[in-house]
Amino acid sequence: MRAVVFERPHQWAVNEVPDPHPGPGEVRLRIVVTGVCGTDRHLLAGGFMARYPLIPGHEMVGEVESVGDGVEGLAVGDLVAADNTVLCGHCEYCRRDQPLYCQNFYSLGVNGPGGFAELVVVRAEKCFPLGNLDPMVAVMTEPLACAMHGADVLALRPGSDVLVFGAGPTGLLLSQLLLHGGAARITVAAPSEHKLELARAFGVDETVRIGRGDLTEALPRLRALAPSGFDVVVEATGSPDLLAQAPALTRIGGTVLVYGMADAEDRVPFSPYEIFARELTIKGSFAQTHCFDRSLLALRSGRVRTEGIVTDVVALDKFDRALEAVSSSASVKAVIRP
């Protein structure tokens, strides 16, 4: 089969690799579409949990092509969304019912073979049938599952005034969840006007255009919207510069959610006294486990909308275009369709 292979940091190729074969309890999927996200850029740069050589791609939708021994409930031809997380179940954190912190965390497309390929093998219990859901909508299942976990971590108080930095796919999805999860007002701040238009179409209350990592011109508008600060400020871009400015925009007793993934080497200069004296809470949200069922339900019901998010559909051998789209202000979301 053909697959995108990250051979070492900053080097990739589309190679012919052996077809994978399902073992007991596994299925082989023929990939229909796989989403591209910022994590893939971090992996190509040698960050996160990359193990080389790596077939990336963790936002997978595929058709069941063959099944291993003992598989029940799935049949050849079924369309499924694949949960890429594999948990050991026996480490210290799994035993404490904290599976996201699994010390042996294995993630297809991150430190195991993923979906930027024609075929992938997935555990059967990690496959969620689509029913009549369009695969181009279902490709948002994994990013929405991550947003579900972010909403769980945040535990939003009803009536909260929320500011979200970022109108990329994750910012748009998380904003919708918080909108339906009790927020009295959602403000989205981002550099790209066409992404802010999407945010407004999805129902957010206010949008503010900002510079990339620079709030200089936008600060008066943000302060006018919430003179005492926002109850919650979500940094969903991975920008250390924006995160550094989040506490000053947060109400006394409020919460900053670190949702976007920055580089491991990035540092943010917080004032410990400000966190102490204003009793601010800083939370982090990393990936997801056991959120796929809720994610699919929200997509099926239309409670979370996705139209307009996928802007670039790219073939395997044009993977460079997908990488360009991830960092382009002109694109929102790229997907690979082998």
C-alpha atoms as a PDB file:
ATOM      1  CA  MET A   1       0.000   0.000   0.000  1.00  0.00           C
ATOM      2  CA  ARG A   2       0.993   3.665  -0.268  1.00  0.00           C
ATOM      3  CA  ALA A   3       1.466   5.750   2.844  1.00  0.00           C
ATOM      4  CA  VAL A   4       2.931   9.049   4.003  1.00  0.00           C
ATOM      5  CA  VAL A   5       5.978   8.206   6.109  1.00  0.00           C
ATOM      6  CA  PHE A   6       7.745  10.589   8.454  1.00  0.00           C
ATOM      7  CA  GLU A   7      11.236   9.146   8.119  1.00  0.00           C
ATOM      8  CA  ARG A   8      12.962  11.499  10.556  1.00  0.00           C
ATOM      9  CA  PRO A   9      12.363  15.034  11.811  1.00  0.00           C
ATOM     10  CA  HIS A  10      11.502  17.397   8.941  1.00  0.00           C
ATOM     11  CA  GLN A  11      11.677  14.622   6.328  1.00  0.00           C
ATOM     12  CA  TRP A  12       8.746  12.747   4.822  1.00  0.00           C
ATOM     13  CA  ALA A  13       7.904  10.787   1.699  1.00  0.00           C
ATOM     14  CA  VAL A  14       5.059   8.838   0.133  1.00  0.00           C
ATOM     15  CA  ASN A  15       6.322   5.259   0.133  1.00  0.00           C
ATOM     16  CA  GLU A  16       5.177   1.765  -0.740  1.00  0.00           C
ATOM     17  CA  VAL A  17       4.954  -0.127   2.560  1.00  0.00           C
ATOM     18  CA  PRO A  18       3.688  -3.630   3.419  1.00  0.00           C
ATOM     19  CA  ASP A  19      -0.062  -4.031   3.833  1.00  0.00           C
ATOM     20  CA  PRO A  20      -1.028  -4.401   7.511  1.00  0.00           C
ATOM     21  CA  HIS A  21      -3.027  -7.476   8.549  1.00  0.00           C
ATOM     22  CA  PRO A  22      -5.597  -7.600  11.345  1.00  0.00           C
ATOM     23  CA  GLY A  23      -4.951  -9.850  14.320  1.00  0.00           C
ATOM     24  CA  PRO A  24      -7.529 -11.208  16.767  1.00  0.00           C
ATOM     25  CA  GLY A  25      -9.980  -8.490  17.791  1.00  0.00           C
ATOM     26  CA  GLU A  26      -8.773  -6.126  15.053  1.00  0.00           C
ATOM     27  CA  VAL A  27     -10.130  -4.870  11.738  1.00  0.00           C
ATOM     28  CA  ARG A  28      -8.414  -3.526   8.680  1.00  0.00           C
ATOM     29  CA  LEU A  29      -9.848  -0.293   7.338  1.00  0.00           C
ATOM     30  CA  ARG A  30      -9.508   1.114   3.866  1.00  0.00           C
ATOM     31  CA  ILE A  31      -9.131   4.800   4.577  1.00  0.00           C
ATOM     32  CA  VAL A  32     -11.886   7.029   3.197  1.00  0.00           C
ATOM     33  CA  VAL A  33     -10.630  10.302   4.663  1.00  0.00           C
ATOM     34  CA  THR A  34      -8.185  11.375   7.383  1.00  0.00           C
ATOM     35  CA  GLY A  35      -7.979  14.852   8.867  1.00  0.00           C
ATOM     36  CA  VAL A  36      -4.762  16.861   9.111  1.00  0.00           C
ATOM     37  CA  CYS A  37      -4.131  18.952  12.206  1.00  0.00           C
ATOM     38  CA  GLY A  38      -1.424  20.950  13.933  1.00  0.00           C
ATOM     39  CA  THR A  39      -0.295  17.876  15.843  1.00  0.00           C
ATOM     40  CA  ASP A  40       0.961  16.429  12.553  1.00  0.00           C
ATOM     41  CA  ARG A  41       3.234  19.429  12.077  1.00  0.00           C
ATOM     42  CA  HIS A  42       4.603  18.997  15.611  1.00  0.00           C
ATOM     43  CA  LEU A  43       5.246  15.298  14.893  1.00  0.00           C
ATOM     44  CA  LEU A  44       7.071  16.080  11.648  1.00  0.00           C
ATOM     45  CA  ALA A  45       9.247  18.546  13.557  1.00  0.00           C
ATOM     46  CA  GLY A  46      10.239  15.813  16.010  1.00  0.00           C
ATOM     47  CA  GLY A  47       7.986  16.910  18.854  1.00  0.00           C
ATOM     48  CA  PHE A  48       5.216  15.334  20.898  1.00  0.00           C
ATOM     49  CA  MET A  49       5.467  11.504  21.035  1.00  0.00           C
ATOM     50  CA  ALA A  50       6.783  10.772  17.543  1.00  0.00           C
ATOM     51  CA  ARG A  51       8.512   7.466  16.863  1.00  0.00           C
ATOM     52  CA  TYR A  52      10.206   7.200  13.488  1.00  0.00           C
ATOM     53  CA  PRO A  53       9.580   5.941  10.934  1.00  0.00           C
ATOM     54  CA  LEU A  54       5.950   6.941  11.469  1.00  0.00           C
ATOM     55  CA  ILE A  55       2.814   6.777   9.347  1.00  0.00           C
ATOM     56  CA  PRO A  56       0.924   9.785  10.745  1.00  0.00           C
ATOM     57  CA  GLY A  57      -2.786  10.590  10.623  1.00  0.00           C
ATOM     58  CA  HIS A  58      -4.978  10.193  13.711  1.00  0.00           C
ATOM     59  CA  GLU A  59      -8.367  11.591  12.560  1.00  0.00           C
ATOM     60  CA  MET A  60      -9.504   8.538  10.624  1.00  0.00           C
ATOM     61  CA  VAL A  61     -12.660   7.461   8.816  1.00  0.00           C
ATOM     62  CA  GLY A  62     -12.536   4.188   6.937  1.00  0.00           C
ATOM     63  CA  GLU A  63     -14.418   1.254   5.463  1.00  0.00           C
ATOM     64  CA  VAL A  64     -14.032  -2.146   7.097  1.00  0.00           C
ATOM     65  CA  GLU A  65     -12.176  -4.270   4.563  1.00  0.00           C
ATOM     66  CA  SER A  66     -11.392  -7.376   6.631  1.00  0.00           C
ATOM     67  CA  VAL A  67     -11.845  -8.550  10.207  1.00  0.00           C
ATOM     68  CA  GLY A  68      -9.672 -10.610  12.523  1.00  0.00           C
ATOM     69  CA  ASP A  69     -10.744 -13.527  14.679  1.00  0.00           C
ATOM     70  CA  GLY A  70     -13.266 -12.823  17.391  1.00  0.00           C
ATOM     71  CA  VAL A  71     -14.587  -9.564  15.977  1.00  0.00           C
ATOM     72  CA  GLU A  72     -18.308  -9.068  16.520  1.00  0.00           C
ATOM     73  CA  GLY A  73     -20.604  -6.184  15.627  1.00  0.00           C
ATOM     74  CA  LEU A  74     -18.646  -5.074  12.566  1.00  0.00           C
ATOM     75  CA  ALA A  75     -18.914  -6.326   9.004  1.00  0.00           C
ATOM     76  CA  VAL A  76     -17.000  -5.827   5.797  1.00  0.00           C
ATOM     77  CA  GLY A  77     -18.265  -2.658   4.153  1.00  0.00           C
ATOM     78  CA  ASP A  78     -19.166  -0.798   7.351  1.00  0.00           C
ATOM     79  CA  LEU A  79     -18.085   2.835   7.477  1.00  0.00           C
ATOM     80  CA  VAL A  80     -16.553   3.761  10.835  1.00  0.00           C
ATOM     81  CA  ALA A  81     -14.772   6.525  12.682  1.00  0.00           C
ATOM     82  CA  ALA A  82     -11.663   5.131  14.390  1.00  0.00           C
ATOM     83  CA  ASP A  83     -10.621   6.179  17.883  1.00  0.00           C
ATOM     84  CA  ASN A  84      -6.834   6.316  17.668  1.00  0.00           C
ATOM     85  CA  THR A  85      -6.136   5.939  21.409  1.00  0.00           C
ATOM     86  CA  VAL A  86      -4.937   2.632  22.854  1.00  0.00           C
ATOM     87  CA  LEU A  87      -4.638   2.362  26.645  1.00  0.00           C
ATOM     88  CA  CYS A  88      -2.774  -0.311  28.571  1.00  0.00           C
ATOM     89  CA  GLY A  89      -5.310  -0.631  31.390  1.00  0.00           C
ATOM     90  CA  HIS A  90      -2.740  -1.734  33.990  1.00  0.00           C
ATOM     91  CA  CYS A  91      -0.370   1.179  34.686  1.00  0.00           C
ATOM     92  CA  GLU A  92      -0.627   3.395  37.757  1.00  0.00           C
ATOM     93  CA  TYR A  93      -2.914   5.927  36.089  1.00  0.00           C
ATOM     94  CA  CYS A  94      -5.156   3.416  34.327  1.00  0.00           C
ATOM     95  CA  ARG A  95      -5.666   1.696  37.695  1.00  0.00           C
ATOM     96  CA  ARG A  96      -6.650   5.080  39.170  1.00  0.00           C
ATOM     97  CA  ASP A  97      -9.280   5.559  36.440  1.00  0.00           C
ATOM     98  CA  GLN A  98      -7.200   8.292  34.787  1.00  0.00           C
ATOM     99  CA  PRO A  99      -6.681   6.638  31.393  1.00  0.00           C
ATOM    100  CA  LEU A 100      -5.629   9.813  29.582  1.00  0.00           C
ATOM    101  CA  TYR A 101      -2.441   9.774  31.652  1.00  0.00           C
ATOM    102  CA  CYS A 102      -1.685   6.149  30.683  1.00  0.00           C
ATOM    103  CA  GLN A 103       2.056   5.621  30.990  1.00  0.00           C
ATOM    104  CA  ASN A 104       1.981   3.340  27.946  1.00  0.00           C
ATOM    105  CA  PHE A 105      -0.255   5.640  25.880  1.00  0.00           C
ATOM    106  CA  TYR A 106      -0.291   4.396  22.288  1.00  0.00           C
ATOM    107  CA  SER A 107      -1.887   6.527  19.629  1.00  0.00           C
ATOM    108  CA  LEU A 108      -2.368   5.561  16.000  1.00  0.00           C
ATOM    109  CA  GLY A 109      -0.831   8.260  13.849  1.00  0.00           C
ATOM    110  CA  VAL A 110       1.191   9.661  16.748  1.00  0.00           C
ATOM    111  CA  ASN A 111       3.463   6.871  17.981  1.00  0.00           C
ATOM    112  CA  GLY A 112       1.904   4.052  15.968  1.00  0.00           C
ATOM    113  CA  PRO A 113       0.880   3.616  12.293  1.00  0.00           C
ATOM    114  CA  GLY A 114      -2.032   5.876  11.389  1.00  0.00           C
ATOM    115  CA  GLY A 115      -4.343   6.936   8.615  1.00  0.00           C
ATOM    116  CA  PHE A 116      -2.289   8.857   6.060  1.00  0.00           C
ATOM    117  CA  ALA A 117      -2.274   5.587   4.174  1.00  0.00           C
ATOM    118  CA  GLU A 118      -4.510   3.413   2.064  1.00  0.00           C
ATOM    119  CA  LEU A 119      -4.984   0.867   4.866  1.00  0.00           C
ATOM    120  CA  VAL A 120      -4.769   0.845   8.660  1.00  0.00           C
ATOM    121  CA  VAL A 121      -5.374  -1.769  11.359  1.00  0.00           C
ATOM    122  CA  VAL A 122      -7.492  -0.715  14.340  1.00  0.00           C
ATOM    123  CA  ARG A 123      -8.872  -2.545  17.361  1.00  0.00           C
ATOM    124  CA  ALA A 124     -12.486  -3.430  16.684  1.00  0.00           C
ATOM    125  CA  GLU A 125     -13.760  -1.859  19.902  1.00  0.00           C
ATOM    126  CA  LYS A 126     -12.243   1.432  18.786  1.00  0.00           C
ATOM    127  CA  CYS A 127     -14.381   1.556  15.628  1.00  0.00           C
ATOM    128  CA  PHE A 128     -17.652   3.507  15.733  1.00  0.00           C
ATOM    129  CA  PRO A 129     -20.138   2.868  12.880  1.00  0.00           C
ATOM    130  CA  LEU A 130     -21.221   6.005  11.051  1.00  0.00           C
ATOM    131  CA  GLY A 131     -24.699   4.894  10.056  1.00  0.00           C
ATOM    132  CA  ASN A 132     -25.907   7.569   7.642  1.00  0.00           C
ATOM    133  CA  LEU A 133     -23.392  10.219   8.756  1.00  0.00           C
ATOM    134  CA  ASP A 134     -21.414  11.701   5.866  1.00  0.00           C
ATOM    135  CA  PRO A 135     -17.719  10.709   6.118  1.00  0.00           C
ATOM    136  CA  MET A 136     -16.741  14.342   5.476  1.00  0.00           C
ATOM    137  CA  VAL A 137     -18.641  15.254   8.630  1.00  0.00           C
ATOM    138  CA  ALA A 138     -17.465  12.170  10.534  1.00  0.00           C
ATOM    139  CA  VAL A 139     -13.817  13.136   9.932  1.00  0.00           C
ATOM    140  CA  MET A 140     -14.382  15.755  12.633  1.00  0.00           C
ATOM    141  CA  THR A 141     -15.168  13.055  15.231  1.00  0.00           C
ATOM    142  CA  GLU A 142     -11.671  12.906  16.731  1.00  0.00           C
ATOM    143  CA  PRO A 143     -11.117  16.677  16.969  1.00  0.00           C
ATOM    144  CA  LEU A 144     -14.606  17.070  18.429  1.00  0.00           C
ATOM    145  CA  ALA A 145     -13.842  14.285  20.921  1.00  0.00           C
ATOM    146  CA  CYS A 146     -10.800  16.291  22.031  1.00  0.00           C
ATOM    147  CA  ALA A 147     -13.045  19.331  22.408  1.00  0.00           C
ATOM    148  CA  MET A 148     -15.450  17.197  24.461  1.00  0.00           C
ATOM    149  CA  HIS A 149     -12.600  16.386  26.817  1.00  0.00           C
ATOM    150  CA  GLY A 150     -11.676  20.077  26.965  1.00  0.00           C
ATOM    151  CA  ALA A 151     -15.241  20.913  27.953  1.00  0.00           C
ATOM    152  CA  ASP A 152     -15.113  18.171  30.595  1.00  0.00           C
ATOM    153  CA  VAL A 153     -11.898  19.588  32.038  1.00  0.00           C
ATOM    154  CA  LEU A 154     -13.252  23.129  32.025  1.00  0.00           C
ATOM    155  CA  ALA A 155     -16.513  22.155  33.763  1.00  0.00           C
ATOM    156  CA  LEU A 156     -18.080  25.430  32.674  1.00  0.00           C
ATOM    157  CA  ARG A 157     -20.312  27.205  35.177  1.00  0.00           C
ATOM    158  CA  PRO A 158     -23.684  28.092  33.568  1.00  0.00           C
ATOM    159  CA  GLY A 159     -23.937  31.760  32.688  1.00  0.00           C
ATOM    160  CA  SER A 160     -20.204  32.193  32.127  1.00  0.00           C
ATOM    161  CA  ASP A 161     -18.734  34.860  29.871  1.00  0.00           C
ATOM    162  CA  VAL A 162     -16.149  33.070  27.687  1.00  0.00           C
ATOM    163  CA  LEU A 163     -13.372  34.329  25.421  1.00  0.00           C
ATOM    164  CA  VAL A 164     -11.829  31.852  22.967  1.00  0.00           C
ATOM    165  CA  PHE A 165      -8.586  32.681  21.195  1.00  0.00           C
ATOM    166  CA  GLY A 166      -8.592  30.842  17.871  1.00  0.00           C
ATOM    167  CA  ALA A 167     -11.083  30.113  15.100  1.00  0.00           C
ATOM    168  CA  GLY A 168      -9.347  27.091  13.660  1.00  0.00           C
ATOM    169  CA  PRO A 169     -11.136  23.722  13.698  1.00  0.00           C
ATOM    170  CA  THR A 170     -10.589  23.120  17.422  1.00  0.00           C
ATOM    171  CA  GLY A 171     -11.559  26.649  18.402  1.00  0.00           C
ATOM    172  CA  LEU A 172     -14.735  26.457  16.312  1.00  0.00           C
ATOM    173  CA  LEU A 173     -15.718  23.067  17.727  1.00  0.00           C
ATOM    174  CA  LEU A 174     -14.974  23.920  21.344  1.00  0.00           C
ATOM    175  CA  SER A 175     -16.792  27.250  21.040  1.00  0.00           C
ATOM    176  CA  GLN A 176     -19.927  25.444  19.885  1.00  0.00           C
ATOM    177  CA  LEU A 177     -19.733  22.977  22.753  1.00  0.00           C
ATOM    178  CA  LEU A 178     -19.386  25.774  25.306  1.00  0.00           C
ATOM    179  CA  LEU A 179     -22.175  27.712  23.612  1.00  0.00           C
ATOM    180  CA  HIS A 180     -24.509  24.749  24.113  1.00  0.00           C
ATOM    181  CA  GLY A 181     -22.985  23.885  27.495  1.00  0.00           C
ATOM    182  CA  GLY A 182     -24.190  26.858  29.467  1.00  0.00           C
ATOM    183  CA  ALA A 183     -22.124  29.887  28.443  1.00  0.00           C
ATOM    184  CA  ALA A 184     -24.098  33.141  28.549  1.00  0.00           C
ATOM    185  CA  ARG A 185     -21.823  34.657  25.915  1.00  0.00           C
ATOM    186  CA  ILE A 186     -19.037  33.370  23.676  1.00  0.00           C
ATOM    187  CA  THR A 187     -16.497  35.749  22.140  1.00  0.00           C
ATOM    188  CA  VAL A 188     -14.058  34.378  19.558  1.00  0.00           C
ATOM    189  CA  ALA A 189     -10.888  36.300  18.742  1.00  0.00           C
ATOM    190  CA  ALA A 190      -8.775  35.353  15.719  1.00  0.00           C
ATOM    191  CA  PRO A 191      -6.738  36.924  12.896  1.00  0.00           C
ATOM    192  CA  SER A 192      -8.696  35.602   9.892  1.00  0.00           C
ATOM    193  CA  GLU A 193     -11.959  37.294   8.981  1.00  0.00           C
ATOM    194  CA  HIS A 194     -13.328  34.331   7.031  1.00  0.00           C
ATOM    195  CA  LYS A 195     -12.805  32.082  10.064  1.00  0.00           C
ATOM    196  CA  LEU A 196     -14.577  34.618  12.250  1.00  0.00           C
ATOM    197  CA  GLU A 197     -17.443  34.525   9.742  1.00  0.00           C
ATOM    198  CA  LEU A 198     -17.670  30.769  10.344  1.00  0.00           C
ATOM    199  CA  ALA A 199     -17.722  31.368  14.093  1.00  0.00           C
ATOM    200  CA  ARG A 200     -20.635  33.787  13.693  1.00  0.00           C
ATOM    201  CA  ALA A 201     -22.454  31.304  11.459  1.00  0.00           C
ATOM    202  CA  PHE A 202     -22.053  28.689  14.190  1.00  0.00           C
ATOM    203  CA  GLY A 203     -23.727  30.977  16.701  1.00  0.00           C
ATOM    204  CA  VAL A 204     -20.999  32.707  18.710  1.00  0.00           C
ATOM    205  CA  ASP A 205     -22.101  36.052  20.089  1.00  0.00           C
ATOM    206  CA  GLU A 206     -19.104  38.292  19.437  1.00  0.00           C
ATOM    207  CA  THR A 207     -16.038  38.133  17.214  1.00  0.00           C
ATOM    208  CA  VAL A 208     -12.895  40.229  17.456  1.00  0.00           C
ATOM    209  CA  ARG A 209     -10.151  40.359  14.856  1.00  0.00           C
ATOM    210  CA  ILE A 210      -6.651  40.286  16.329  1.00  0.00           C
ATOM    211  CA  GLY A 211      -3.096  40.173  15.042  1.00  0.00           C
ATOM    212  CA  ARG A 212      -1.164  36.912  15.133  1.00  0.00           C
ATOM    213  CA  GLY A 213      -0.136  36.676  18.756  1.00  0.00           C
ATOM    214  CA  ASP A 214      -0.656  40.418  19.126  1.00  0.00           C
ATOM    215  CA  LEU A 215      -3.582  41.952  21.006  1.00  0.00           C
ATOM    216  CA  THR A 216      -2.446  45.589  20.829  1.00  0.00           C
ATOM    217  CA  GLU A 217      -5.196  46.823  18.532  1.00  0.00           C
ATOM    218  CA  ALA A 218      -7.863  44.436  19.859  1.00  0.00           C
ATOM    219  CA  LEU A 219      -7.386  45.095  23.590  1.00  0.00           C
ATOM    220  CA  PRO A 220      -9.749  48.102  23.775  1.00  0.00           C
ATOM    221  CA  ARG A 221     -12.564  46.061  22.194  1.00  0.00           C
ATOM    222  CA  LEU A 222     -11.936  43.054  24.442  1.00  0.00           C
ATOM    223  CA  ARG A 223     -11.843  45.204  27.569  1.00  0.00           C
ATOM    224  CA  ALA A 224     -15.005  47.006  26.482  1.00  0.00           C
ATOM    225  CA  LEU A 225     -16.779  43.672  26.095  1.00  0.00           C
ATOM    226  CA  ALA A 226     -15.778  42.516  29.593  1.00  0.00           C
ATOM    227  CA  PRO A 227     -14.523  45.434  31.712  1.00  0.00           C
ATOM    228  CA  SER A 228     -14.053  43.180  34.759  1.00  0.00           C
ATOM    229  CA  GLY A 229     -12.600  40.370  32.657  1.00  0.00           C
ATOM    230  CA  PHE A 230     -14.011  37.161  31.198  1.00  0.00           C
ATOM    231  CA  ASP A 231     -14.992  34.279  33.464  1.00  0.00           C
ATOM    232  CA  VAL A 232     -13.061  31.924  31.174  1.00  0.00           C
ATOM    233  CA  VAL A 233     -10.309  32.573  28.620  1.00  0.00           C
ATOM    234  CA  VAL A 234      -9.464  29.665  26.310  1.00  0.00           C
ATOM    235  CA  GLU A 235      -6.179  29.684  24.377  1.00  0.00           C
ATOM    236  CA  ALA A 236      -6.891  27.391  21.420  1.00  0.00           C
ATOM    237  CA  THR A 237      -4.073  28.363  19.047  1.00  0.00           C
ATOM    238  CA  GLY A 238      -0.918  27.171  20.797  1.00  0.00           C
ATOM    239  CA  SER A 239       0.489  30.720  20.835  1.00  0.00           C
ATOM    240  CA  PRO A 240       2.628  31.442  23.917  1.00  0.00           C
ATOM    241  CA  ASP A 241       2.214  35.167  23.269  1.00  0.00           C
ATOM    242  CA  LEU A 242      -1.567  34.961  23.465  1.00  0.00           C
ATOM    243  CA  LEU A 243      -1.444  32.708  26.506  1.00  0.00           C
ATOM    244  CA  ALA A 244       0.810  35.178  28.291  1.00  0.00           C
ATOM    245  CA  GLN A 245      -1.890  37.833  27.909  1.00  0.00           C
ATOM    246  CA  ALA A 246      -4.775  35.613  28.990  1.00  0.00           C
ATOM    247  CA  PRO A 247      -4.619  36.172  32.797  1.00  0.00           C
ATOM    248  CA  ALA A 248      -4.977  39.944  32.416  1.00  0.00           C
ATOM    249  CA  LEU A 249      -8.218  39.388  30.491  1.00  0.00           C
ATOM    250  CA  THR A 250      -9.611  36.974  33.073  1.00  0.00           C
ATOM    251  CA  ARG A 251     -12.009  38.023  35.824  1.00  0.00           C
ATOM    252  CA  ILE A 252     -10.939  37.633  39.472  1.00  0.00           C
ATOM    253  CA  GLY A 253     -11.575  34.000  40.380  1.00  0.00           C
ATOM    254  CA  GLY A 254     -11.736  33.044  36.692  1.00  0.00           C
ATOM    255  CA  THR A 255     -10.128  30.275  34.665  1.00  0.00           C
ATOM    256  CA  VAL A 256      -7.585  30.103  31.840  1.00  0.00           C
ATOM    257  CA  LEU A 257      -7.791  26.918  29.745  1.00  0.00           C
ATOM    258  CA  VAL A 258      -4.631  25.939  27.848  1.00  0.00           C
ATOM    259  CA  TYR A 259      -6.153  24.047  24.923  1.00  0.00           C
ATOM    260  CA  GLY A 260      -3.891  24.748  21.935  1.00  0.00           C
ATOM    261  CA  MET A 261      -0.650  22.755  21.665  1.00  0.00           C
ATOM    262  CA  ALA A 262       2.543  24.818  21.860  1.00  0.00           C
ATOM    263  CA  ASP A 263       6.073  23.505  21.392  1.00  0.00           C
ATOM    264  CA  ALA A 264       7.555  21.727  24.406  1.00  0.00           C
ATOM    265  CA  GLU A 265      10.320  24.342  24.600  1.00  0.00           C
ATOM    266  CA  ASP A 266       7.936  27.325  24.761  1.00  0.00           C
ATOM    267  CA  ARG A 267       7.747  29.294  28.007  1.00  0.00           C
ATOM    268  CA  VAL A 268       5.162  31.821  29.211  1.00  0.00           C
ATOM    269  CA  PRO A 269       5.988  34.575  31.752  1.00  0.00           C
ATOM    270  CA  PHE A 270       3.177  34.474  34.317  1.00  0.00           C
ATOM    271  CA  SER A 271       3.101  36.621  37.449  1.00  0.00           C
ATOM    272  CA  PRO A 272       2.748  34.215  40.391  1.00  0.00           C
ATOM    273  CA  TYR A 273       1.421  37.092  42.466  1.00  0.00           C
ATOM    274  CA  GLU A 274      -1.357  37.736  39.949  1.00  0.00           C
ATOM    275  CA  ILE A 275      -2.428  34.084  40.004  1.00  0.00           C
ATOM    276  CA  PHE A 276      -2.259  34.128  43.812  1.00  0.00           C
ATOM    277  CA  ALA A 277      -3.902  37.471  44.541  1.00  0.00           C
ATOM    278  CA  ARG A 278      -6.675  37.154  41.943  1.00  0.00           C
ATOM    279  CA  GLU A 279      -7.222  33.440  42.656  1.00  0.00           C
ATOM    280  CA  LEU A 280      -7.004  32.467  39.005  1.00  0.00           C
ATOM    281  CA  THR A 281      -7.173  28.846  37.892  1.00  0.00           C
ATOM    282  CA  ILE A 282      -5.064  27.544  35.003  1.00  0.00           C
ATOM    283  CA  LYS A 283      -6.145  24.234  33.461  1.00  0.00           C
ATOM    284  CA  GLY A 284      -4.753  22.127  30.636  1.00  0.00           C
ATOM    285  CA  SER A 285      -6.564  19.829  28.223  1.00  0.00           C
ATOM    286  CA  PHE A 286      -4.695  17.052  26.419  1.00  0.00           C
ATOM    287  CA  ALA A 287      -6.185  14.762  23.738  1.00  0.00           C
ATOM    288  CA  GLN A 288      -9.165  12.565  24.719  1.00  0.00           C
ATOM    289  CA  THR A 289     -10.253   9.109  25.787  1.00  0.00           C
ATOM    290  CA  HIS A 290     -13.753   7.625  25.729  1.00  0.00           C
ATOM    291  CA  CYS A 291     -15.362  10.678  24.092  1.00  0.00           C
ATOM    292  CA  PHE A 292     -16.122   9.297  20.613  1.00  0.00           C
ATOM    293  CA  ASP A 293     -19.694   8.238  21.329  1.00  0.00           C
ATOM    294  CA  ARG A 294     -20.681  11.709  22.553  1.00  0.00           C
ATOM    295  CA  SER A 295     -18.814  13.320  19.675  1.00  0.00           C
ATOM    296  CA  LEU A 296     -20.652  11.276  17.074  1.00  0.00           C
ATOM    297  CA  LEU A 297     -23.995  11.964  18.731  1.00  0.00           C
ATOM    298  CA  ALA A 298     -23.355  15.728  18.589  1.00  0.00           C
ATOM    299  CA  LEU A 299     -22.440  15.462  14.896  1.00  0.00           C
ATOM    300  CA  ARG A 300     -25.447  13.284  14.035  1.00  0.00           C
ATOM    301  CA  SER A 301     -27.886  15.606  15.799  1.00  0.00           C
ATOM    302  CA  GLY A 302     -26.357  18.682  14.190  1.00  0.00           C
ATOM    303  CA  ARG A 303     -25.834  20.260  17.606  1.00  0.00           C
ATOM    304  CA  VAL A 304     -22.215  20.766  16.547  1.00  0.00           C
ATOM    305  CA  ARG A 305     -21.949  21.930  12.965  1.00  0.00           C
ATOM    306  CA  THR A 306     -19.029  21.442  10.590  1.00  0.00           C
ATOM    307  CA  GLU A 307     -20.030  22.957   7.268  1.00  0.00           C
ATOM    308  CA  GLY A 308     -17.272  25.152   5.910  1.00  0.00           C
ATOM    309  CA  ILE A 309     -14.558  23.781   8.199  1.00  0.00           C
ATOM    310  CA  VAL A 310     -13.023  21.393   5.639  1.00  0.00           C
ATOM    311  CA  THR A 311     -11.533  23.667   3.000  1.00  0.00           C
ATOM    312  CA  ASP A 312      -8.835  21.475   1.402  1.00  0.00           C
ATOM    313  CA  VAL A 313      -9.159  17.872   0.170  1.00  0.00           C
ATOM    314  CA  VAL A 314      -5.754  16.491  -0.807  1.00  0.00           C
ATOM    315  CA  ALA A 315      -4.409  13.215  -2.212  1.00  0.00           C
ATOM    316  CA  LEU A 316      -1.610  11.301  -0.492  1.00  0.00           C
ATOM    317  CA  ASP A 317       1.017  12.330  -2.999  1.00  0.00           C
ATOM    318  CA  LYS A 318       0.122  16.005  -2.456  1.00  0.00           C
ATOM    319  CA  PHE A 319       0.676  15.845   1.295  1.00  0.00           C
ATOM    320  CA  ASP A 320       2.857  18.941   1.153  1.00  0.00           C
ATOM    321  CA  ARG A 321      -0.219  20.934   0.171  1.00  0.00           C
ATOM    322  CA  ALA A 322      -2.015  19.653   3.265  1.00  0.00           C
ATOM    323  CA  LEU A 323       0.880  20.786   5.460  1.00  0.00           C
ATOM    324  CA  GLU A 324       0.778  24.206   3.831  1.00  0.00           C
ATOM    325  CA  ALA A 325      -2.966  24.412   4.451  1.00  0.00           C
ATOM    326  CA  VAL A 326      -2.527  23.728   8.174  1.00  0.00           C
ATOM    327  CA  SER A 327      -0.455  26.880   8.594  1.00  0.00           C
ATOM    328  CA  SER A 328      -2.286  29.009   6.033  1.00  0.00           C
ATOM    329  CA  SER A 329      -4.707  31.713   7.102  1.00  0.00           C
ATOM    330  CA  ALA A 330      -6.610  31.051   3.870  1.00  0.00           C
ATOM    331  CA  SER A 331      -7.506  27.484   4.901  1.00  0.00           C
ATOM    332  CA  VAL A 332      -9.422  26.130   7.872  1.00  0.00           C
ATOM    333  CA  LYS A 333      -9.053  22.340   7.696  1.00  0.00           C
ATOM    334  CA  ALA A 334      -7.280  19.987   5.301  1.00  0.00           C
ATOM    335  CA  VAL A 335      -8.075  16.307   4.884  1.00  0.00           C
ATOM    336  CA  ILE A 336      -6.327  13.485   3.057  1.00  0.00           C
ATOM    337  CA  ARG A 337      -8.450  11.296   0.777  1.00  0.00           C
ATOM    338  CA  PRO A 338      -6.285   8.448  -0.556  1.00  0.00           C
END
